Amino acid sequence: SCAASRFRVSIYAVGWYRQAPGKQRELVASITGGDSTNYADSAK
């Protein structure tokens, strides 16, 4: 869960990223205010 404050998640895009030890942070999934979603291949 990602609880947001001071802005509306219904308006702005929010993404989940992850970072494993020794690796760069990478996008896992995102969702826009218009309900468009995007997933990393590893998450699909």
PDB file of all heavy atoms in Angstrom:
ATOM      1  N   SER A   1       0.843  -1.192   0.000  1.00  0.00           N
ATOM      2  CA  SER A   1       0.000   0.000   0.000  1.00  0.00           C
ATOM      3  C   SER A   1       0.879   1.243   0.000  1.00  0.00           C
ATOM      4  O   SER A   1       1.935   1.261   0.625  1.00  0.00           O
ATOM      5  CB  SER A   1      -0.896   0.025   1.246  1.00  0.00           C
ATOM      6  OG  SER A   1      -1.756  -1.088   1.277  1.00  0.00           O
ATOM      7  N   CYS A   2       0.414   2.253  -0.693  1.00  0.00           N
ATOM      8  CA  CYS A   2       1.082   3.558  -0.720  1.00  0.00           C
ATOM      9  C   CYS A   2       0.034   4.609  -0.385  1.00  0.00           C
ATOM     10  O   CYS A   2      -0.809   4.941  -1.232  1.00  0.00           O
ATOM     11  CB  CYS A   2       1.692   3.809  -2.090  1.00  0.00           C
ATOM     12  SG  CYS A   2       2.336   5.486  -2.306  1.00  0.00           S
ATOM     13  N   ALA A   3       0.072   5.093   0.833  1.00  0.00           N
ATOM     14  CA  ALA A   3      -0.878   6.109   1.276  1.00  0.00           C
ATOM     15  C   ALA A   3      -0.301   7.484   0.991  1.00  0.00           C
ATOM     16  O   ALA A   3       0.804   7.812   1.437  1.00  0.00           O
ATOM     17  CB  ALA A   3      -1.163   5.946   2.764  1.00  0.00           C
ATOM     18  N   ALA A   4      -1.048   8.276   0.236  1.00  0.00           N
ATOM     19  CA  ALA A   4      -0.579   9.596  -0.184  1.00  0.00           C
ATOM     20  C   ALA A   4      -1.287  10.695   0.600  1.00  0.00           C
ATOM     21  O   ALA A   4      -2.456  10.551   0.986  1.00  0.00           O
ATOM     22  CB  ALA A   4      -0.834   9.787  -1.676  1.00  0.00           C
ATOM     23  N   SER A   5      -0.572  11.778   0.800  1.00  0.00           N
ATOM     24  CA  SER A   5      -1.177  12.948   1.440  1.00  0.00           C
ATOM     25  C   SER A   5      -0.735  14.202   0.704  1.00  0.00           C
ATOM     26  O   SER A   5       0.333  14.263   0.115  1.00  0.00           O
ATOM     27  CB  SER A   5      -0.786  13.026   2.916  1.00  0.00           C
ATOM     28  OG  SER A   5       0.600  13.101   3.065  1.00  0.00           O
ATOM     29  N   ARG A   6      -1.596  15.184   0.724  1.00  0.00           N
ATOM     30  CA  ARG A   6      -1.377  16.504   0.137  1.00  0.00           C
ATOM     31  C   ARG A   6      -1.485  16.528  -1.379  1.00  0.00           C
ATOM     32  O   ARG A   6      -1.156  17.566  -1.990  1.00  0.00           O
ATOM     33  CB  ARG A   6      -0.011  17.082   0.545  1.00  0.00           C
ATOM     34  CG  ARG A   6       0.147  17.277   2.038  1.00  0.00           C
ATOM     35  CD  ARG A   6      -0.759  18.349   2.556  1.00  0.00           C
ATOM     36  NE  ARG A   6      -0.508  18.649   3.959  1.00  0.00           N
ATOM     37  CZ  ARG A   6      -1.142  19.585   4.639  1.00  0.00           C
ATOM     38  NH1 ARG A   6      -2.059  20.330   4.043  1.00  0.00           N
ATOM     39  NH2 ARG A   6      -0.878  19.783   5.912  1.00  0.00           N
ATOM     40  N   PHE A   7      -1.894  15.421  -1.984  1.00  0.00           N
ATOM     41  CA  PHE A   7      -2.239  15.446  -3.401  1.00  0.00           C
ATOM     42  C   PHE A   7      -3.175  14.281  -3.668  1.00  0.00           C
ATOM     43  O   PHE A   7      -3.251  13.348  -2.860  1.00  0.00           O
ATOM     44  CB  PHE A   7      -1.002  15.363  -4.307  1.00  0.00           C
ATOM     45  CG  PHE A   7      -0.399  13.979  -4.399  1.00  0.00           C
ATOM     46  CD1 PHE A   7      -0.689  13.136  -5.462  1.00  0.00           C
ATOM     47  CD2 PHE A   7       0.473  13.533  -3.413  1.00  0.00           C
ATOM     48  CE1 PHE A   7      -0.132  11.867  -5.542  1.00  0.00           C
ATOM     49  CE2 PHE A   7       1.036  12.270  -3.484  1.00  0.00           C
ATOM     50  CZ  PHE A   7       0.731  11.426  -4.545  1.00  0.00           C
ATOM     51  N   ARG A   8      -3.893  14.340  -4.762  1.00  0.00           N
ATOM     52  CA  ARG A   8      -4.892  13.332  -5.090  1.00  0.00           C
ATOM     53  C   ARG A   8      -4.298  12.284  -6.027  1.00  0.00           C
ATOM     54  O   ARG A   8      -3.867  12.609  -7.128  1.00  0.00           O
ATOM     55  CB  ARG A   8      -6.088  13.982  -5.774  1.00  0.00           C
ATOM     56  CG  ARG A   8      -6.830  14.964  -4.888  1.00  0.00           C
ATOM     57  CD  ARG A   8      -7.743  14.240  -3.946  1.00  0.00           C
ATOM     58  NE  ARG A   8      -8.609  15.164  -3.227  1.00  0.00           N
ATOM     59  CZ  ARG A   8      -9.453  14.779  -2.288  1.00  0.00           C
ATOM     60  NH1 ARG A   8      -9.543  13.503  -1.964  1.00  0.00           N
ATOM     61  NH2 ARG A   8     -10.201  15.677  -1.667  1.00  0.00           N
ATOM     62  N   VAL A   9      -4.315  11.014  -5.597  1.00  0.00           N
ATOM     63  CA  VAL A   9      -3.841   9.952  -6.477  1.00  0.00           C
ATOM     64  C   VAL A   9      -4.782   9.766  -7.662  1.00  0.00           C
ATOM     65  O   VAL A   9      -4.421   9.115  -8.640  1.00  0.00           O
ATOM     66  CB  VAL A   9      -3.667   8.618  -5.712  1.00  0.00           C
ATOM     67  CG1 VAL A   9      -2.647   8.783  -4.592  1.00  0.00           C
ATOM     68  CG2 VAL A   9      -4.994   8.080  -5.190  1.00  0.00           C
ATOM     69  N   SER A  10      -5.985  10.331  -7.573  1.00  0.00           N
ATOM     70  CA  SER A  10      -6.927  10.220  -8.686  1.00  0.00           C
ATOM     71  C   SER A  10      -6.556  11.159  -9.828  1.00  0.00           C
ATOM     72  O   SER A  10      -7.084  11.034 -10.935  1.00  0.00           O
ATOM     73  CB  SER A  10      -8.353  10.534  -8.212  1.00  0.00           C
ATOM     74  OG  SER A  10      -8.416  11.849  -7.687  1.00  0.00           O
ATOM     75  N   ILE A  11      -5.643  12.081  -9.555  1.00  0.00           N
ATOM     76  CA  ILE A  11      -5.274  13.077 -10.561  1.00  0.00           C
ATOM     77  C   ILE A  11      -3.866  12.823 -11.112  1.00  0.00           C
ATOM     78  O   ILE A  11      -3.635  12.949 -12.315  1.00  0.00           O
ATOM     79  CB  ILE A  11      -5.352  14.489  -9.958  1.00  0.00           C
ATOM     80  CG1 ILE A  11      -6.798  14.807  -9.574  1.00  0.00           C
ATOM     81  CG2 ILE A  11      -4.799  15.524 -10.933  1.00  0.00           C
ATOM     82  CD1 ILE A  11      -6.960  16.134  -8.862  1.00  0.00           C
ATOM     83  N   TYR A  12      -2.949  12.491 -10.220  1.00  0.00           N
ATOM     84  CA  TYR A  12      -1.552  12.342 -10.614  1.00  0.00           C
ATOM     85  C   TYR A  12      -1.155  10.875 -10.759  1.00  0.00           C
ATOM     86  O   TYR A  12      -1.674  10.009 -10.059  1.00  0.00           O
ATOM     87  CB  TYR A  12      -0.643  12.998  -9.580  1.00  0.00           C
ATOM     88  CG  TYR A  12      -0.768  14.497  -9.547  1.00  0.00           C
ATOM     89  CD1 TYR A  12      -1.636  15.119  -8.660  1.00  0.00           C
ATOM     90  CD2 TYR A  12      -0.018  15.294 -10.411  1.00  0.00           C
ATOM     91  CE1 TYR A  12      -1.760  16.498  -8.634  1.00  0.00           C
ATOM     92  CE2 TYR A  12      -0.129  16.670 -10.384  1.00  0.00           C
ATOM     93  CZ  TYR A  12      -1.002  17.268  -9.505  1.00  0.00           C
ATOM     94  OH  TYR A  12      -1.118  18.630  -9.479  1.00  0.00           O
ATOM     95  N   ALA A  13      -0.214  10.623 -11.641  1.00  0.00           N
ATOM     96  CA  ALA A  13       0.313   9.272 -11.807  1.00  0.00           C
ATOM     97  C   ALA A  13       1.149   8.883 -10.592  1.00  0.00           C
ATOM     98  O   ALA A  13       1.884   9.703 -10.031  1.00  0.00           O
ATOM     99  CB  ALA A  13       1.161   9.185 -13.066  1.00  0.00           C
ATOM    100  N   VAL A  14       1.010   7.645 -10.211  1.00  0.00           N
ATOM    101  CA  VAL A  14       1.791   7.089  -9.107  1.00  0.00           C
ATOM    102  C   VAL A  14       2.437   5.807  -9.598  1.00  0.00           C
ATOM    103  O   VAL A  14       1.815   5.006 -10.298  1.00  0.00           O
ATOM    104  CB  VAL A  14       0.899   6.800  -7.888  1.00  0.00           C
ATOM    105  CG1 VAL A  14       1.702   6.098  -6.792  1.00  0.00           C
ATOM    106  CG2 VAL A  14       0.300   8.089  -7.357  1.00  0.00           C
ATOM    107  N   GLY A  15       3.680   5.634  -9.230  1.00  0.00           N
ATOM    108  CA  GLY A  15       4.403   4.437  -9.655  1.00  0.00           C
ATOM    109  C   GLY A  15       4.993   3.677  -8.491  1.00  0.00           C
ATOM    110  O   GLY A  15       5.274   4.250  -7.434  1.00  0.00           O
ATOM    111  N   TRP A  16       5.154   2.382  -8.701  1.00  0.00           N
ATOM    112  CA  TRP A  16       5.899   1.527  -7.767  1.00  0.00           C
ATOM    113  C   TRP A  16       7.233   1.183  -8.411  1.00  0.00           C
ATOM    114  O   TRP A  16       7.268   0.738  -9.571  1.00  0.00           O
ATOM    115  CB  TRP A  16       5.130   0.237  -7.471  1.00  0.00           C
ATOM    116  CG  TRP A  16       4.036   0.390  -6.478  1.00  0.00           C
ATOM    117  CD1 TRP A  16       2.697   0.522  -6.736  1.00  0.00           C
ATOM    118  CD2 TRP A  16       4.172   0.417  -5.054  1.00  0.00           C
ATOM    119  NE1 TRP A  16       2.001   0.633  -5.562  1.00  0.00           N
ATOM    120  CE2 TRP A  16       2.879   0.566  -4.508  1.00  0.00           C
ATOM    121  CE3 TRP A  16       5.255   0.334  -4.178  1.00  0.00           C
ATOM    122  CZ2 TRP A  16       2.640   0.626  -3.134  1.00  0.00           C
ATOM    123  CZ3 TRP A  16       5.019   0.397  -2.820  1.00  0.00           C
ATOM    124  CH2 TRP A  16       3.729   0.538  -2.312  1.00  0.00           C
ATOM    125  N   TYR A  17       8.291   1.405  -7.670  1.00  0.00           N
ATOM    126  CA  TYR A  17       9.637   1.073  -8.100  1.00  0.00           C
ATOM    127  C   TYR A  17      10.224   0.081  -7.094  1.00  0.00           C
ATOM    128  O   TYR A  17       9.737  -0.049  -5.975  1.00  0.00           O
ATOM    129  CB  TYR A  17      10.527   2.315  -8.136  1.00  0.00           C
ATOM    130  CG  TYR A  17      10.224   3.266  -9.259  1.00  0.00           C
ATOM    131  CD1 TYR A  17       9.075   4.051  -9.244  1.00  0.00           C
ATOM    132  CD2 TYR A  17      11.093   3.403 -10.338  1.00  0.00           C
ATOM    133  CE1 TYR A  17       8.798   4.932 -10.277  1.00  0.00           C
ATOM    134  CE2 TYR A  17      10.827   4.292 -11.375  1.00  0.00           C
ATOM    135  CZ  TYR A  17       9.684   5.043 -11.338  1.00  0.00           C
ATOM    136  OH  TYR A  17       9.412   5.911 -12.362  1.00  0.00           O
ATOM    137  N   ARG A  18      11.301  -0.560  -7.511  1.00  0.00           N
ATOM    138  CA  ARG A  18      12.004  -1.431  -6.565  1.00  0.00           C
ATOM    139  C   ARG A  18      13.504  -1.337  -6.807  1.00  0.00           C
ATOM    140  O   ARG A  18      13.955  -1.014  -7.907  1.00  0.00           O
ATOM    141  CB  ARG A  18      11.541  -2.877  -6.690  1.00  0.00           C
ATOM    142  CG  ARG A  18      11.923  -3.577  -7.990  1.00  0.00           C
ATOM    143  CD  ARG A  18      11.281  -4.949  -8.052  1.00  0.00           C
ATOM    144  NE  ARG A  18      11.639  -5.670  -9.267  1.00  0.00           N
ATOM    145  CZ  ARG A  18      11.098  -6.825  -9.631  1.00  0.00           C
ATOM    146  NH1 ARG A  18      10.158  -7.402  -8.869  1.00  0.00           N
ATOM    147  NH2 ARG A  18      11.486  -7.413 -10.744  1.00  0.00           N
ATOM    148  N   GLN A  19      14.239  -1.613  -5.745  1.00  0.00           N
ATOM    149  CA  GLN A  19      15.696  -1.595  -5.836  1.00  0.00           C
ATOM    150  C   GLN A  19      16.242  -2.771  -5.053  1.00  0.00           C
ATOM    151  O   GLN A  19      16.059  -2.851  -3.828  1.00  0.00           O
ATOM    152  CB  GLN A  19      16.266  -0.283  -5.321  1.00  0.00           C
ATOM    153  CG  GLN A  19      17.755  -0.145  -5.561  1.00  0.00           C
ATOM    154  CD  GLN A  19      18.246   1.280  -5.358  1.00  0.00           C
ATOM    155  OE1 GLN A  19      17.598   2.098  -4.728  1.00  0.00           O
ATOM    156  NE2 GLN A  19      19.406   1.582  -5.918  1.00  0.00           N
ATOM    157  N   ALA A  20      16.896  -3.654  -5.763  1.00  0.00           N
ATOM    158  CA  ALA A  20      17.553  -4.798  -5.143  1.00  0.00           C
ATOM    159  C   ALA A  20      18.994  -4.420  -4.824  1.00  0.00           C
ATOM    160  O   ALA A  20      19.555  -3.509  -5.441  1.00  0.00           O
ATOM    161  CB  ALA A  20      17.497  -6.004  -6.076  1.00  0.00           C
ATOM    162  N   PRO A  21      19.612  -5.104  -3.871  1.00  0.00           N
ATOM    163  CA  PRO A  21      21.000  -4.786  -3.519  1.00  0.00           C
ATOM    164  C   PRO A  21      21.918  -4.842  -4.733  1.00  0.00           C
ATOM    165  O   PRO A  21      21.891  -5.809  -5.502  1.00  0.00           O
ATOM    166  CB  PRO A  21      21.352  -5.870  -2.505  1.00  0.00           C
ATOM    167  CG  PRO A  21      20.057  -6.266  -1.906  1.00  0.00           C
ATOM    168  CD  PRO A  21      19.049  -6.158  -3.017  1.00  0.00           C
ATOM    169  N   GLY A  22      22.695  -3.783  -4.916  1.00  0.00           N
ATOM    170  CA  GLY A  22      23.651  -3.742  -6.007  1.00  0.00           C
ATOM    171  C   GLY A  22      23.050  -3.445  -7.366  1.00  0.00           C
ATOM    172  O   GLY A  22      23.767  -3.483  -8.376  1.00  0.00           O
ATOM    173  N   LYS A  23      21.753  -3.167  -7.405  1.00  0.00           N
ATOM    174  CA  LYS A  23      21.097  -2.895  -8.684  1.00  0.00           C
ATOM    175  C   LYS A  23      20.468  -1.515  -8.685  1.00  0.00           C
ATOM    176  O   LYS A  23      20.239  -0.910  -7.636  1.00  0.00           O
ATOM    177  CB  LYS A  23      20.033  -3.961  -8.971  1.00  0.00           C
ATOM    178  CG  LYS A  23      20.600  -5.351  -9.178  1.00  0.00           C
ATOM    179  CD  LYS A  23      19.530  -6.303  -9.655  1.00  0.00           C
ATOM    180  CE  LYS A  23      20.108  -7.672  -9.948  1.00  0.00           C
ATOM    181  NZ  LYS A  23      19.069  -8.622 -10.446  1.00  0.00           N
ATOM    182  N   GLN A  24      20.178  -1.022  -9.882  1.00  0.00           N
ATOM    183  CA  GLN A  24      19.523   0.267 -10.006  1.00  0.00           C
ATOM    184  C   GLN A  24      18.036   0.151  -9.689  1.00  0.00           C
ATOM    185  O   GLN A  24      17.422  -0.904  -9.846  1.00  0.00           O
ATOM    186  CB  GLN A  24      19.700   0.800 -11.430  1.00  0.00           C
ATOM    187  CG  GLN A  24      21.108   1.256 -11.756  1.00  0.00           C
ATOM    188  CD  GLN A  24      21.183   1.965 -13.093  1.00  0.00           C
ATOM    189  OE1 GLN A  24      20.385   1.693 -13.994  1.00  0.00           O
ATOM    190  NE2 GLN A  24      22.123   2.869 -13.230  1.00  0.00           N
ATOM    191  N   ARG A  25      17.490   1.257  -9.263  1.00  0.00           N
ATOM    192  CA  ARG A  25      16.051   1.299  -9.014  1.00  0.00           C
ATOM    193  C   ARG A  25      15.334   1.177 -10.359  1.00  0.00           C
ATOM    194  O   ARG A  25      15.713   1.806 -11.348  1.00  0.00           O
ATOM    195  CB  ARG A  25      15.673   2.608  -8.329  1.00  0.00           C
ATOM    196  CG  ARG A  25      14.290   2.642  -7.763  1.00  0.00           C
ATOM    197  CD  ARG A  25      14.079   3.884  -6.919  1.00  0.00           C
ATOM    198  NE  ARG A  25      14.938   3.886  -5.724  1.00  0.00           N
ATOM    199  CZ  ARG A  25      14.814   4.759  -4.736  1.00  0.00           C
ATOM    200  NH1 ARG A  25      13.865   5.690  -4.785  1.00  0.00           N
ATOM    201  NH2 ARG A  25      15.625   4.718  -3.698  1.00  0.00           N
ATOM    202  N   GLU A  26      14.277   0.371 -10.373  1.00  0.00           N
ATOM    203  CA  GLU A  26      13.556   0.137 -11.619  1.00  0.00           C
ATOM    204  C   GLU A  26      12.056   0.270 -11.399  1.00  0.00           C
ATOM    205  O   GLU A  26      11.532  -0.025 -10.314  1.00  0.00           O
ATOM    206  CB  GLU A  26      13.864  -1.272 -12.168  1.00  0.00           C
ATOM    207  CG  GLU A  26      13.445  -2.406 -11.257  1.00  0.00           C
ATOM    208  CD  GLU A  26      13.701  -3.774 -11.870  1.00  0.00           C
ATOM    209  OE1 GLU A  26      14.221  -3.856 -12.999  1.00  0.00           O
ATOM    210  OE2 GLU A  26      13.375  -4.773 -11.201  1.00  0.00           O
ATOM    211  N   LEU A  27      11.379   0.700 -12.453  1.00  0.00           N
ATOM    212  CA  LEU A  27       9.926   0.813 -12.406  1.00  0.00           C
ATOM    213  C   LEU A  27       9.308  -0.580 -12.450  1.00  0.00           C
ATOM    214  O   LEU A  27       9.676  -1.409 -13.279  1.00  0.00           O
ATOM    215  CB  LEU A  27       9.427   1.637 -13.590  1.00  0.00           C
ATOM    216  CG  LEU A  27       7.911   1.767 -13.725  1.00  0.00           C
ATOM    217  CD1 LEU A  27       7.326   2.589 -12.579  1.00  0.00           C
ATOM    218  CD2 LEU A  27       7.552   2.392 -15.068  1.00  0.00           C
ATOM    219  N   VAL A  28       8.347  -0.799 -11.566  1.00  0.00           N
ATOM    220  CA  VAL A  28       7.606  -2.053 -11.540  1.00  0.00           C
ATOM    221  C   VAL A  28       6.238  -1.875 -12.201  1.00  0.00           C
ATOM    222  O   VAL A  28       5.847  -2.660 -13.061  1.00  0.00           O
ATOM    223  CB  VAL A  28       7.420  -2.561 -10.096  1.00  0.00           C
ATOM    224  CG1 VAL A  28       6.590  -3.838 -10.082  1.00  0.00           C
ATOM    225  CG2 VAL A  28       8.773  -2.788  -9.434  1.00  0.00           C
ATOM    226  N   ALA A  29       5.530  -0.835 -11.795  1.00  0.00           N
ATOM    227  CA  ALA A  29       4.195  -0.585 -12.340  1.00  0.00           C
ATOM    228  C   ALA A  29       3.817   0.856 -12.054  1.00  0.00           C
ATOM    229  O   ALA A  29       4.312   1.464 -11.100  1.00  0.00           O
ATOM    230  CB  ALA A  29       3.158  -1.520 -11.721  1.00  0.00           C
ATOM    231  N   SER A  30       2.927   1.395 -12.868  1.00  0.00           N
ATOM    232  CA  SER A  30       2.436   2.745 -12.645  1.00  0.00           C
ATOM    233  C   SER A  30       0.983   2.828 -13.067  1.00  0.00           C
ATOM    234  O   SER A  30       0.504   2.025 -13.873  1.00  0.00           O
ATOM    235  CB  SER A  30       3.278   3.772 -13.402  1.00  0.00           C
ATOM    236  OG  SER A  30       3.174   3.562 -14.792  1.00  0.00           O
ATOM    237  N   ILE A  31       0.310   3.832 -12.497  1.00  0.00           N
ATOM    238  CA  ILE A  31      -1.087   4.075 -12.836  1.00  0.00           C
ATOM    239  C   ILE A  31      -1.294   5.571 -12.939  1.00  0.00           C
ATOM    240  O   ILE A  31      -0.819   6.340 -12.107  1.00  0.00           O
ATOM    241  CB  ILE A  31      -2.031   3.431 -11.791  1.00  0.00           C
ATOM    242  CG1 ILE A  31      -3.494   3.592 -12.206  1.00  0.00           C
ATOM    243  CG2 ILE A  31      -1.795   3.992 -10.390  1.00  0.00           C
ATOM    244  CD1 ILE A  31      -4.447   2.735 -11.386  1.00  0.00           C
ATOM    245  N   THR A  32      -1.982   5.993 -13.988  1.00  0.00           N
ATOM    246  CA  THR A  32      -2.220   7.415 -14.198  1.00  0.00           C
ATOM    247  C   THR A  32      -3.575   7.822 -13.633  1.00  0.00           C
ATOM    248  O   THR A  32      -4.405   6.977 -13.278  1.00  0.00           O
ATOM    249  CB  THR A  32      -2.186   7.759 -15.688  1.00  0.00           C
ATOM    250  OG1 THR A  32      -3.352   7.185 -16.322  1.00  0.00           O
ATOM    251  CG2 THR A  32      -0.931   7.234 -16.352  1.00  0.00           C
ATOM    252  N   GLY A  33      -3.799   9.129 -13.638  1.00  0.00           N
ATOM    253  CA  GLY A  33      -5.093   9.612 -13.201  1.00  0.00           C
ATOM    254  C   GLY A  33      -6.228   9.130 -14.088  1.00  0.00           C
ATOM    255  O   GLY A  33      -7.369   9.013 -13.649  1.00  0.00           O
ATOM    256  N   GLY A  34      -5.889   8.821 -15.330  1.00  0.00           N
ATOM    257  CA  GLY A  34      -6.886   8.312 -16.259  1.00  0.00           C
ATOM    258  C   GLY A  34      -7.013   6.803 -16.243  1.00  0.00           C
ATOM    259  O   GLY A  34      -7.636   6.225 -17.136  1.00  0.00           O
ATOM    260  N   ASP A  35      -6.407   6.170 -15.229  1.00  0.00           N
ATOM    261  CA  ASP A  35      -6.487   4.716 -15.041  1.00  0.00           C
ATOM    262  C   ASP A  35      -5.659   3.908 -16.033  1.00  0.00           C
ATOM    263  O   ASP A  35      -5.823   2.694 -16.116  1.00  0.00           O
ATOM    264  CB  ASP A  35      -7.930   4.211 -15.072  1.00  0.00           C
ATOM    265  CG  ASP A  35      -8.685   4.565 -13.811  1.00  0.00           C
ATOM    266  OD1 ASP A  35      -8.025   4.753 -12.772  1.00  0.00           O
ATOM    267  OD2 ASP A  35      -9.921   4.655 -13.863  1.00  0.00           O
ATOM    268  N   SER A  36      -4.795   4.554 -16.775  1.00  0.00           N
ATOM    269  CA  SER A  36      -3.873   3.786 -17.613  1.00  0.00           C
ATOM    270  C   SER A  36      -2.804   3.159 -16.732  1.00  0.00           C
ATOM    271  O   SER A  36      -2.287   3.810 -15.821  1.00  0.00           O
ATOM    272  CB  SER A  36      -3.218   4.694 -18.652  1.00  0.00           C
ATOM    273  OG  SER A  36      -4.159   5.192 -19.555  1.00  0.00           O
ATOM    274  N   THR A  37      -2.496   1.916 -17.011  1.00  0.00           N
ATOM    275  CA  THR A  37      -1.484   1.212 -16.224  1.00  0.00           C
ATOM    276  C   THR A  37      -0.332   0.780 -17.125  1.00  0.00           C
ATOM    277  O   THR A  37      -0.498   0.584 -18.334  1.00  0.00           O
ATOM    278  CB  THR A  37      -2.073  -0.019 -15.525  1.00  0.00           C
ATOM    279  OG1 THR A  37      -2.669  -0.884 -16.496  1.00  0.00           O
ATOM    280  CG2 THR A  37      -3.134   0.392 -14.512  1.00  0.00           C
ATOM    281  N   ASN A  38       0.805   0.637 -16.495  1.00  0.00           N
ATOM    282  CA  ASN A  38       2.007   0.215 -17.208  1.00  0.00           C
ATOM    283  C   ASN A  38       2.783  -0.718 -16.283  1.00  0.00           C
ATOM    284  O   ASN A  38       2.872  -0.461 -15.075  1.00  0.00           O
ATOM    285  CB  ASN A  38       2.867   1.435 -17.561  1.00  0.00           C
ATOM    286  CG  ASN A  38       4.118   1.053 -18.310  1.00  0.00           C
ATOM    287  OD1 ASN A  38       4.058   0.315 -19.276  1.00  0.00           O
ATOM    288  ND2 ASN A  38       5.265   1.537 -17.848  1.00  0.00           N
ATOM    289  N   TYR A  39       3.290  -1.802 -16.850  1.00  0.00           N
ATOM    290  CA  TYR A  39       4.002  -2.786 -16.055  1.00  0.00           C
ATOM    291  C   TYR A  39       5.345  -3.117 -16.686  1.00  0.00           C
ATOM    292  O   TYR A  39       5.478  -3.182 -17.912  1.00  0.00           O
ATOM    293  CB  TYR A  39       3.201  -4.097 -15.958  1.00  0.00           C
ATOM    294  CG  TYR A  39       1.909  -3.962 -15.204  1.00  0.00           C
ATOM    295  CD1 TYR A  39       0.723  -3.666 -15.866  1.00  0.00           C
ATOM    296  CD2 TYR A  39       1.867  -4.132 -13.824  1.00  0.00           C
ATOM    297  CE1 TYR A  39      -0.474  -3.542 -15.173  1.00  0.00           C
ATOM    298  CE2 TYR A  39       0.682  -4.016 -13.122  1.00  0.00           C
ATOM    299  CZ  TYR A  39      -0.483  -3.718 -13.804  1.00  0.00           C
ATOM    300  OH  TYR A  39      -1.662  -3.593 -13.105  1.00  0.00           O
ATOM    301  N   ALA A  40       6.326  -3.360 -15.841  1.00  0.00           N
ATOM    302  CA  ALA A  40       7.577  -3.932 -16.311  1.00  0.00           C
ATOM    303  C   ALA A  40       7.299  -5.351 -16.806  1.00  0.00           C
ATOM    304  O   ALA A  40       6.370  -6.012 -16.334  1.00  0.00           O
ATOM    305  CB  ALA A  40       8.597  -3.964 -15.180  1.00  0.00           C
ATOM    306  N   ASP A  41       8.101  -5.794 -17.737  1.00  0.00           N
ATOM    307  CA  ASP A  41       7.903  -7.146 -18.272  1.00  0.00           C
ATOM    308  C   ASP A  41       7.931  -8.188 -17.156  1.00  0.00           C
ATOM    309  O   ASP A  41       7.183  -9.164 -17.187  1.00  0.00           O
ATOM    310  CB  ASP A  41       8.982  -7.464 -19.313  1.00  0.00           C
ATOM    311  CG  ASP A  41       8.764  -6.716 -20.609  1.00  0.00           C
ATOM    312  OD1 ASP A  41       7.648  -6.201 -20.831  1.00  0.00           O
ATOM    313  OD2 ASP A  41       9.717  -6.626 -21.404  1.00  0.00           O
ATOM    314  N   SER A  42       8.778  -7.953 -16.172  1.00  0.00           N
ATOM    315  CA  SER A  42       8.916  -8.912 -15.076  1.00  0.00           C
ATOM    316  C   SER A  42       7.669  -8.975 -14.193  1.00  0.00           C
ATOM    317  O   SER A  42       7.479  -9.938 -13.450  1.00  0.00           O
ATOM    318  CB  SER A  42      10.127  -8.560 -14.217  1.00  0.00           C
ATOM    319  OG  SER A  42       9.982  -7.260 -13.679  1.00  0.00           O
ATOM    320  N   ALA A  43       6.828  -7.943 -14.279  1.00  0.00           N
ATOM    321  CA  ALA A  43       5.639  -7.867 -13.430  1.00  0.00           C
ATOM    322  C   ALA A  43       4.360  -8.288 -14.149  1.00  0.00           C
ATOM    323  O   ALA A  43       3.356  -8.601 -13.501  1.00  0.00           O
ATOM    324  CB  ALA A  43       5.468  -6.456 -12.894  1.00  0.00           C
ATOM    325  N   LYS A  44       4.390  -8.270 -15.451  1.00  0.00           N
ATOM    326  CA  LYS A  44       3.181  -8.562 -16.225  1.00  0.00           C
ATOM    327  C   LYS A  44       2.656  -9.965 -15.918  1.00  0.00           C
ATOM    328  O   LYS A  44       3.406 -10.935 -15.902  1.00  0.00           O
ATOM    329  CB  LYS A  44       3.473  -8.429 -17.723  1.00  0.00           C
ATOM    330  CG  LYS A  44       3.660  -6.994 -18.172  1.00  0.00           C
ATOM    331  CD  LYS A  44       4.000  -6.918 -19.660  1.00  0.00           C
ATOM    332  CE  LYS A  44       4.215  -5.476 -20.086  1.00  0.00           C
ATOM    333  NZ  LYS A  44       4.643  -5.364 -21.502  1.00  0.00           N
TER     334      LYS A  44
END
